[in-house]
Amino acid sequence: MKRIALILAVAALASCGADGAPFTPSANVGLSVGSNGVSTGASVGASNGTVSFGVGL
């Protein structure tokens, strides 16, 4: 839980864009069904066009 809170805090601070263009936050949640059962995935990140970073969970 602390890891998720830290990631969200960093993404929020990065999205304010204090130096230069603002970062745009992004998030993705997925659910897939296959022969091995149901699996979930999630990712969060931010991008300003030239620089982007993200974390997949």
PDB file of N, CA and C in Angstrom:
ATOM      1  N   MET A   1       0.821  -1.187   0.000  1.00  0.00           N
ATOM      2  CA  MET A   1       0.000   0.000   0.000  1.00  0.00           C
ATOM      3  C   MET A   1       0.867   1.253   0.000  1.00  0.00           C
ATOM      4  N   LYS A   2       1.967   1.224   0.745  1.00  0.00           N
ATOM      5  CA  LYS A   2       2.863   2.381   0.770  1.00  0.00           C
ATOM      6  C   LYS A   2       3.484   2.617  -0.604  1.00  0.00           C
ATOM      7  N   ARG A   3       3.787   1.533  -1.311  1.00  0.00           N
ATOM      8  CA  ARG A   3       4.393   1.649  -2.641  1.00  0.00           C
ATOM      9  C   ARG A   3       3.432   2.344  -3.598  1.00  0.00           C
ATOM     10  N   ILE A   4       2.165   1.974  -3.561  1.00  0.00           N
ATOM     11  CA  ILE A   4       1.172   2.586  -4.448  1.00  0.00           C
ATOM     12  C   ILE A   4       1.001   4.061  -4.108  1.00  0.00           C
ATOM     13  N   ALA A   5       0.949   4.381  -2.821  1.00  0.00           N
ATOM     14  CA  ALA A   5       0.818   5.775  -2.399  1.00  0.00           C
ATOM     15  C   ALA A   5       2.023   6.596  -2.849  1.00  0.00           C
ATOM     16  N   LEU A   6       3.215   6.034  -2.751  1.00  0.00           N
ATOM     17  CA  LEU A   6       4.415   6.734  -3.191  1.00  0.00           C
ATOM     18  C   LEU A   6       4.391   6.970  -4.694  1.00  0.00           C
ATOM     19  N   ILE A   7       3.994   5.967  -5.462  1.00  0.00           N
ATOM     20  CA  ILE A   7       3.924   6.102  -6.920  1.00  0.00           C
ATOM     21  C   ILE A   7       2.915   7.185  -7.303  1.00  0.00           C
ATOM     22  N   LEU A   8       1.756   7.177  -6.669  1.00  0.00           N
ATOM     23  CA  LEU A   8       0.747   8.188  -6.967  1.00  0.00           C
ATOM     24  C   LEU A   8       1.213   9.585  -6.576  1.00  0.00           C
ATOM     25  N   ALA A   9       1.934   9.697  -5.470  1.00  0.00           N
ATOM     26  CA  ALA A   9       2.448  10.998  -5.043  1.00  0.00           C
ATOM     27  C   ALA A   9       3.484  11.523  -6.035  1.00  0.00           C
ATOM     28  N   VAL A  10       4.366  10.657  -6.504  1.00  0.00           N
ATOM     29  CA  VAL A  10       5.372  11.070  -7.487  1.00  0.00           C
ATOM     30  C   VAL A  10       4.702  11.472  -8.798  1.00  0.00           C
ATOM     31  N   ALA A  11       3.720  10.700  -9.230  1.00  0.00           N
ATOM     32  CA  ALA A  11       3.008  11.034 -10.467  1.00  0.00           C
ATOM     33  C   ALA A  11       2.277  12.367 -10.331  1.00  0.00           C
ATOM     34  N   ALA A  12       1.683  12.625  -9.173  1.00  0.00           N
ATOM     35  CA  ALA A  12       0.974  13.887  -8.957  1.00  0.00           C
ATOM     36  C   ALA A  12       1.948  15.062  -8.962  1.00  0.00           C
ATOM     37  N   LEU A  13       3.095  14.902  -8.320  1.00  0.00           N
ATOM     38  CA  LEU A  13       4.082  15.976  -8.308  1.00  0.00           C
ATOM     39  C   LEU A  13       4.663  16.210  -9.697  1.00  0.00           C
ATOM     40  N   ALA A  14       4.898  15.132 -10.444  1.00  0.00           N
ATOM     41  CA  ALA A  14       5.452  15.269 -11.786  1.00  0.00           C
ATOM     42  C   ALA A  14       4.451  15.911 -12.739  1.00  0.00           C
ATOM     43  N   SER A  15       3.172  15.708 -12.498  1.00  0.00           N
ATOM     44  CA  SER A  15       2.167  16.241 -13.410  1.00  0.00           C
ATOM     45  C   SER A  15       1.940  17.739 -13.245  1.00  0.00           C
ATOM     46  N   CYS A  16       2.461  18.354 -12.188  1.00  0.00           N
ATOM     47  CA  CYS A  16       2.255  19.788 -12.007  1.00  0.00           C
ATOM     48  C   CYS A  16       3.102  20.593 -12.981  1.00  0.00           C
ATOM     49  N   GLY A  17       4.211  20.045 -13.478  1.00  0.00           N
ATOM     50  CA  GLY A  17       4.994  20.704 -14.520  1.00  0.00           C
ATOM     51  C   GLY A  17       5.659  21.989 -14.075  1.00  0.00           C
ATOM     52  N   ALA A  18       6.337  21.992 -12.946  1.00  0.00           N
ATOM     53  CA  ALA A  18       6.985  23.199 -12.445  1.00  0.00           C
ATOM     54  C   ALA A  18       8.054  23.714 -13.406  1.00  0.00           C
ATOM     55  N   ASP A  19       8.803  22.849 -14.059  1.00  0.00           N
ATOM     56  CA  ASP A  19       9.833  23.247 -15.021  1.00  0.00           C
ATOM     57  C   ASP A  19       9.446  22.742 -16.404  1.00  0.00           C
ATOM     58  N   GLY A  20       8.931  23.613 -17.233  1.00  0.00           N
ATOM     59  CA  GLY A  20       8.617  23.228 -18.601  1.00  0.00           C
ATOM     60  C   GLY A  20       7.193  22.728 -18.759  1.00  0.00           C
ATOM     61  N   ALA A  21       7.026  21.927 -19.789  1.00  0.00           N
ATOM     62  CA  ALA A  21       5.693  21.425 -20.126  1.00  0.00           C
ATOM     63  C   ALA A  21       5.163  20.507 -19.033  1.00  0.00           C
ATOM     64  N   PRO A  22       3.861  20.539 -18.789  1.00  0.00           N
ATOM     65  CA  PRO A  22       3.287  19.694 -17.741  1.00  0.00           C
ATOM     66  C   PRO A  22       3.251  18.229 -18.146  1.00  0.00           C
ATOM     67  N   PHE A  23       3.409  17.369 -17.172  1.00  0.00           N
ATOM     68  CA  PHE A  23       3.289  15.939 -17.398  1.00  0.00           C
ATOM     69  C   PHE A  23       1.809  15.574 -17.361  1.00  0.00           C
ATOM     70  N   THR A  24       1.419  14.688 -18.241  1.00  0.00           N
ATOM     71  CA  THR A  24       0.049  14.200 -18.283  1.00  0.00           C
ATOM     72  C   THR A  24       0.013  12.824 -17.636  1.00  0.00           C
ATOM     73  N   PRO A  25      -0.733  12.664 -16.547  1.00  0.00           N
ATOM     74  CA  PRO A  25      -0.795  11.356 -15.893  1.00  0.00           C
ATOM     75  C   PRO A  25      -1.643  10.386 -16.711  1.00  0.00           C
ATOM     76  N   SER A  26      -1.330   9.098 -16.576  1.00  0.00           N
ATOM     77  CA  SER A  26      -2.107   8.070 -17.262  1.00  0.00           C
ATOM     78  C   SER A  26      -2.251   6.859 -16.348  1.00  0.00           C
ATOM     79  N   ALA A  27      -3.307   6.105 -16.581  1.00  0.00           N
ATOM     80  CA  ALA A  27      -3.549   4.895 -15.809  1.00  0.00           C
ATOM     81  C   ALA A  27      -4.235   3.880 -16.700  1.00  0.00           C
ATOM     82  N   ASN A  28      -3.999   2.600 -16.438  1.00  0.00           N
ATOM     83  CA  ASN A  28      -4.585   1.534 -17.223  1.00  0.00           C
ATOM     84  C   ASN A  28      -4.860   0.345 -16.306  1.00  0.00           C
ATOM     85  N   VAL A  29      -6.033  -0.243 -16.449  1.00  0.00           N
ATOM     86  CA  VAL A  29      -6.404  -1.437 -15.697  1.00  0.00           C
ATOM     87  C   VAL A  29      -6.895  -2.461 -16.698  1.00  0.00           C
ATOM     88  N   GLY A  30      -6.423  -3.700 -16.575  1.00  0.00           N
ATOM     89  CA  GLY A  30      -6.823  -4.729 -17.525  1.00  0.00           C
ATOM     90  C   GLY A  30      -7.243  -6.020 -16.854  1.00  0.00           C
ATOM     91  N   LEU A  31      -8.063  -6.767 -17.564  1.00  0.00           N
ATOM     92  CA  LEU A  31      -8.542  -8.062 -17.118  1.00  0.00           C
ATOM     93  C   LEU A  31      -8.526  -8.965 -18.336  1.00  0.00           C
ATOM     94  N   SER A  32      -7.867 -10.108 -18.224  1.00  0.00           N
ATOM     95  CA  SER A  32      -7.815 -11.030 -19.357  1.00  0.00           C
ATOM     96  C   SER A  32      -8.160 -12.442 -18.904  1.00  0.00           C
ATOM     97  N   VAL A  33      -8.778 -13.164 -19.818  1.00  0.00           N
ATOM     98  CA  VAL A  33      -9.176 -14.546 -19.559  1.00  0.00           C
ATOM     99  C   VAL A  33      -8.467 -15.419 -20.582  1.00  0.00           C
ATOM    100  N   GLY A  34      -7.775 -16.442 -20.090  1.00  0.00           N
ATOM    101  CA  GLY A  34      -7.053 -17.352 -20.966  1.00  0.00           C
ATOM    102  C   GLY A  34      -7.125 -18.768 -20.458  1.00  0.00           C
ATOM    103  N   SER A  35      -6.309 -19.622 -21.047  1.00  0.00           N
ATOM    104  CA  SER A  35      -6.322 -21.022 -20.646  1.00  0.00           C
ATOM    105  C   SER A  35      -5.800 -21.225 -19.226  1.00  0.00           C
ATOM    106  N   ASN A  36      -5.043 -20.275 -18.704  1.00  0.00           N
ATOM    107  CA  ASN A  36      -4.526 -20.353 -17.336  1.00  0.00           C
ATOM    108  C   ASN A  36      -5.441 -19.693 -16.319  1.00  0.00           C
ATOM    109  N   GLY A  37      -6.611 -19.217 -16.748  1.00  0.00           N
ATOM    110  CA  GLY A  37      -7.548 -18.579 -15.829  1.00  0.00           C
ATOM    111  C   GLY A  37      -7.643 -17.092 -16.080  1.00  0.00           C
ATOM    112  N   VAL A  38      -8.098 -16.384 -15.079  1.00  0.00           N
ATOM    113  CA  VAL A  38      -8.293 -14.942 -15.168  1.00  0.00           C
ATOM    114  C   VAL A  38      -7.078 -14.248 -14.559  1.00  0.00           C
ATOM    115  N   SER A  39      -6.581 -13.221 -15.250  1.00  0.00           N
ATOM    116  CA  SER A  39      -5.462 -12.451 -14.708  1.00  0.00           C
ATOM    117  C   SER A  39      -5.780 -10.965 -14.822  1.00  0.00           C
ATOM    118  N   THR A  40      -5.238 -10.208 -13.893  1.00  0.00           N
ATOM    119  CA  THR A  40      -5.450  -8.762 -13.878  1.00  0.00           C
ATOM    120  C   THR A  40      -4.115  -8.051 -13.997  1.00  0.00           C
ATOM    121  N   GLY A  41      -4.180  -6.808 -14.392  1.00  0.00           N
ATOM    122  CA  GLY A  41      -2.987  -5.986 -14.487  1.00  0.00           C
ATOM    123  C   GLY A  41      -3.345  -4.522 -14.366  1.00  0.00           C
ATOM    124  N   ALA A  42      -2.392  -3.720 -13.974  1.00  0.00           N
ATOM    125  CA  ALA A  42      -2.614  -2.283 -13.838  1.00  0.00           C
ATOM    126  C   ALA A  42      -1.295  -1.560 -14.071  1.00  0.00           C
ATOM    127  N   SER A  43      -1.390  -0.328 -14.546  1.00  0.00           N
ATOM    128  CA  SER A  43      -0.203   0.487 -14.717  1.00  0.00           C
ATOM    129  C   SER A  43      -0.558   1.951 -14.496  1.00  0.00           C
ATOM    130  N   VAL A  44       0.409   2.715 -14.028  1.00  0.00           N
ATOM    131  CA  VAL A  44       0.278   4.157 -13.862  1.00  0.00           C
ATOM    132  C   VAL A  44       1.538   4.799 -14.414  1.00  0.00           C
ATOM    133  N   GLY A  45       1.407   6.014 -14.886  1.00  0.00           N
ATOM    134  CA  GLY A  45       2.562   6.693 -15.438  1.00  0.00           C
ATOM    135  C   GLY A  45       2.258   8.147 -15.733  1.00  0.00           C
ATOM    136  N   ALA A  46       3.232   8.808 -16.358  1.00  0.00           N
ATOM    137  CA  ALA A  46       3.094  10.204 -16.752  1.00  0.00           C
ATOM    138  C   ALA A  46       3.985  10.450 -17.953  1.00  0.00           C
ATOM    139  N   SER A  47       3.590  11.426 -18.784  1.00  0.00           N
ATOM    140  CA  SER A  47       4.343  11.749 -20.002  1.00  0.00           C
ATOM    141  C   SER A  47       4.165  13.212 -20.320  1.00  0.00           C
ATOM    142  N   ASN A  48       5.225  13.819 -20.884  1.00  0.00           N
ATOM    143  CA  ASN A  48       5.094  15.186 -21.376  1.00  0.00           C
ATOM    144  C   ASN A  48       5.410  15.267 -22.864  1.00  0.00           C
ATOM    145  N   GLY A  49       5.413  14.169 -23.561  1.00  0.00           N
ATOM    146  CA  GLY A  49       5.676  14.139 -24.992  1.00  0.00           C
ATOM    147  C   GLY A  49       7.072  13.642 -25.300  1.00  0.00           C
ATOM    148  N   THR A  50       8.082  14.152 -24.613  1.00  0.00           N
ATOM    149  CA  THR A  50       9.457  13.697 -24.855  1.00  0.00           C
ATOM    150  C   THR A  50       9.936  12.723 -23.788  1.00  0.00           C
ATOM    151  N   VAL A  51       9.440  12.879 -22.582  1.00  0.00           N
ATOM    152  CA  VAL A  51       9.840  12.025 -21.473  1.00  0.00           C
ATOM    153  C   VAL A  51       8.595  11.347 -20.912  1.00  0.00           C
ATOM    154  N   SER A  52       8.705  10.048 -20.692  1.00  0.00           N
ATOM    155  CA  SER A  52       7.586   9.347 -20.071  1.00  0.00           C
ATOM    156  C   SER A  52       8.126   8.303 -19.114  1.00  0.00           C
ATOM    157  N   PHE A  53       7.367   8.014 -18.085  1.00  0.00           N
ATOM    158  CA  PHE A  53       7.728   6.958 -17.142  1.00  0.00           C
ATOM    159  C   PHE A  53       6.458   6.302 -16.662  1.00  0.00           C
ATOM    160  N   GLY A  54       6.587   5.059 -16.249  1.00  0.00           N
ATOM    161  CA  GLY A  54       5.423   4.328 -15.778  1.00  0.00           C
ATOM    162  C   GLY A  54       5.815   3.126 -14.963  1.00  0.00           C
ATOM    163  N   VAL A  55       4.840   2.590 -14.261  1.00  0.00           N
ATOM    164  CA  VAL A  55       5.039   1.430 -13.425  1.00  0.00           C
ATOM    165  C   VAL A  55       3.873   0.474 -13.675  1.00  0.00           C
ATOM    166  N   GLY A  56       4.190  -0.777 -13.951  1.00  0.00           N
ATOM    167  CA  GLY A  56       3.152  -1.784 -14.122  1.00  0.00           C
ATOM    168  C   GLY A  56       3.044  -2.652 -12.883  1.00  0.00           C
ATOM    169  N   LEU A  57       1.835  -2.976 -12.503  1.00  0.00           N
ATOM    170  CA  LEU A  57       1.601  -3.773 -11.309  1.00  0.00           C
ATOM    171  C   LEU A  57       0.967  -5.085 -11.693  1.00  0.00           C
TER     172      LEU A  57
END
